[in-house]
Amino acid sequence: MTQAELVAALPDGRLPPELMQIHAADLVLLFGIGLVAAALLASLLMPFLDRRPSRRARIRSTRGMPPAQRALAIARILGRLPQELRDTAYGTAAPLGEEAIERIALKARPVRR
């Protein structure tokens, strides 16, 4: 018996013919599974795709804090404390105004990580 005869002698399938075809209900089920998989994947990736607020927005969010606390919060944002804010941060001089602190902070370069 040749290979072609052997393949021809095999039955078409072990399932009934109506189960071997794809119906509309099967397509809807596959579509639903795809939607659920996409939702799970999106929920897993959202923390990595979320945008961080800009440096300017983070500095502006410190408005209203006392000058010493604001200078230290800006130091956390920038990664270092600008020289002009050291006296304000440690309370060794008269505190600077909010506009002056913000101007110094926006002018300062952040530490690259």
Protein backbone atom coordinates (compact mmCIF):
# COMPACT_ATOMS: atom_id res chain seq x y z
CA MET A 1 0.00 0.00 0.00
CA THR A 2 1.44 3.37 -1.01
CA GLN A 3 1.35 6.48 1.10
CA ALA A 4 -1.35 8.08 -1.09
CA GLU A 5 -3.56 4.99 -0.71
CA LEU A 6 -2.99 5.03 3.04
CA VAL A 7 -4.01 8.70 3.30
CA ALA A 8 -7.06 8.06 1.10
CA ALA A 9 -8.11 5.16 3.34
CA LEU A 10 -8.10 7.34 6.48
CA PRO A 11 -11.51 8.54 7.65
CA ASP A 12 -12.34 12.24 7.06
CA GLY A 13 -12.63 13.01 10.71
CA ARG A 14 -13.68 11.55 13.98
CA LEU A 15 -16.21 14.29 14.68
CA PRO A 16 -19.54 14.67 12.90
CA PRO A 17 -19.28 16.90 9.81
CA GLU A 18 -21.44 19.67 11.35
CA LEU A 19 -18.85 20.09 14.13
CA MET A 20 -15.99 20.39 11.63
CA GLN A 21 -17.36 23.69 10.25
CA ILE A 22 -17.16 27.14 11.81
CA HIS A 23 -20.55 28.71 12.49
CA ALA A 24 -21.58 32.25 13.44
CA ALA A 25 -21.73 31.36 17.14
CA ASP A 26 -18.14 30.13 16.97
CA LEU A 27 -17.02 33.40 15.38
CA VAL A 28 -18.81 35.43 18.06
CA LEU A 29 -17.14 33.31 20.75
CA LEU A 30 -13.70 33.83 19.20
CA PHE A 31 -14.35 37.57 18.93
CA GLY A 32 -15.34 37.71 22.62
CA ILE A 33 -12.22 35.81 23.64
CA GLY A 34 -10.18 38.29 21.62
CA LEU A 35 -11.84 41.24 23.37
CA VAL A 36 -11.19 39.75 26.81
CA ALA A 37 -7.55 39.06 25.92
CA ALA A 38 -7.13 42.63 24.61
CA ALA A 39 -8.65 44.08 27.79
CA LEU A 40 -6.32 42.03 29.97
CA LEU A 41 -3.29 43.02 27.91
CA ALA A 42 -4.28 46.70 28.00
CA SER A 43 -4.74 46.62 31.78
CA LEU A 44 -1.31 45.05 32.20
CA LEU A 45 0.37 47.63 29.95
CA MET A 46 -1.35 50.78 31.27
CA PRO A 47 1.19 51.51 34.06
CA PHE A 48 4.00 51.43 31.51
CA LEU A 49 2.20 53.64 28.98
CA ASP A 50 1.01 56.30 31.43
CA ARG A 51 2.65 59.70 30.96
CA ARG A 52 4.46 61.28 33.87
CA PRO A 53 3.73 64.93 34.60
CA SER A 54 6.35 67.31 33.28
CA ARG A 55 9.02 68.75 35.53
CA ARG A 56 7.35 72.15 35.27
CA ALA A 57 3.99 70.70 36.39
CA ARG A 58 5.60 68.88 39.33
CA ILE A 59 7.35 72.09 40.42
CA ARG A 60 4.11 74.06 40.12
CA SER A 61 2.32 71.46 42.24
CA THR A 62 4.51 72.51 45.18
CA ARG A 63 2.86 75.95 45.32
CA GLY A 64 1.34 76.76 48.68
CA MET A 65 3.92 74.82 50.71
CA PRO A 66 6.03 76.63 53.27
CA PRO A 67 9.28 77.89 51.63
CA ALA A 68 11.62 75.42 53.39
CA GLN A 69 9.43 72.41 52.58
CA ARG A 70 8.92 73.63 49.04
CA ALA A 71 12.67 73.97 48.46
CA LEU A 72 13.23 70.40 49.68
CA ALA A 73 10.34 69.10 47.52
CA ILE A 74 11.91 70.82 44.52
CA ALA A 75 15.23 69.20 45.43
CA ARG A 76 13.51 65.78 45.27
CA ILE A 77 12.06 66.64 41.86
CA LEU A 78 15.36 67.89 40.44
CA GLY A 79 17.55 65.33 42.13
CA ARG A 80 19.63 68.03 43.78
CA LEU A 81 19.14 71.26 45.68
CA PRO A 82 20.07 74.36 43.65
CA GLN A 83 22.65 76.54 45.37
CA GLU A 84 20.27 79.54 45.42
CA LEU A 85 17.71 77.57 47.46
CA ARG A 86 20.05 76.18 50.11
CA ASP A 87 19.59 79.04 52.58
CA THR A 88 15.81 78.88 52.16
CA ALA A 89 15.73 75.10 52.56
CA TYR A 90 17.77 75.08 55.76
CA GLY A 91 16.20 78.21 57.25
CA THR A 92 19.47 80.13 57.56
CA ALA A 93 18.19 83.19 55.66
CA ALA A 94 14.91 84.95 55.00
CA PRO A 95 12.69 82.76 52.82
CA LEU A 96 12.36 83.62 49.17
CA GLY A 97 9.01 84.40 47.58
CA GLU A 98 7.04 81.77 45.68
CA GLU A 99 7.81 83.30 42.28
CA ALA A 100 11.54 83.48 43.03
CA ILE A 101 11.63 79.84 44.17
CA GLU A 102 9.76 78.72 41.05
CA ARG A 103 12.00 80.77 38.75
CA ILE A 104 15.15 79.27 40.32
CA ALA A 105 13.72 75.76 40.15
CA LEU A 106 12.71 76.03 36.50
CA LYS A 107 16.10 77.49 35.59
CA ALA A 108 18.02 74.71 37.37
CA ARG A 109 19.01 71.59 35.43
CA PRO A 110 17.76 68.27 36.80
CA VAL A 111 20.13 65.38 37.45
CA ARG A 112 19.96 62.84 34.60
CA ARG A 113 19.33 59.29 35.71
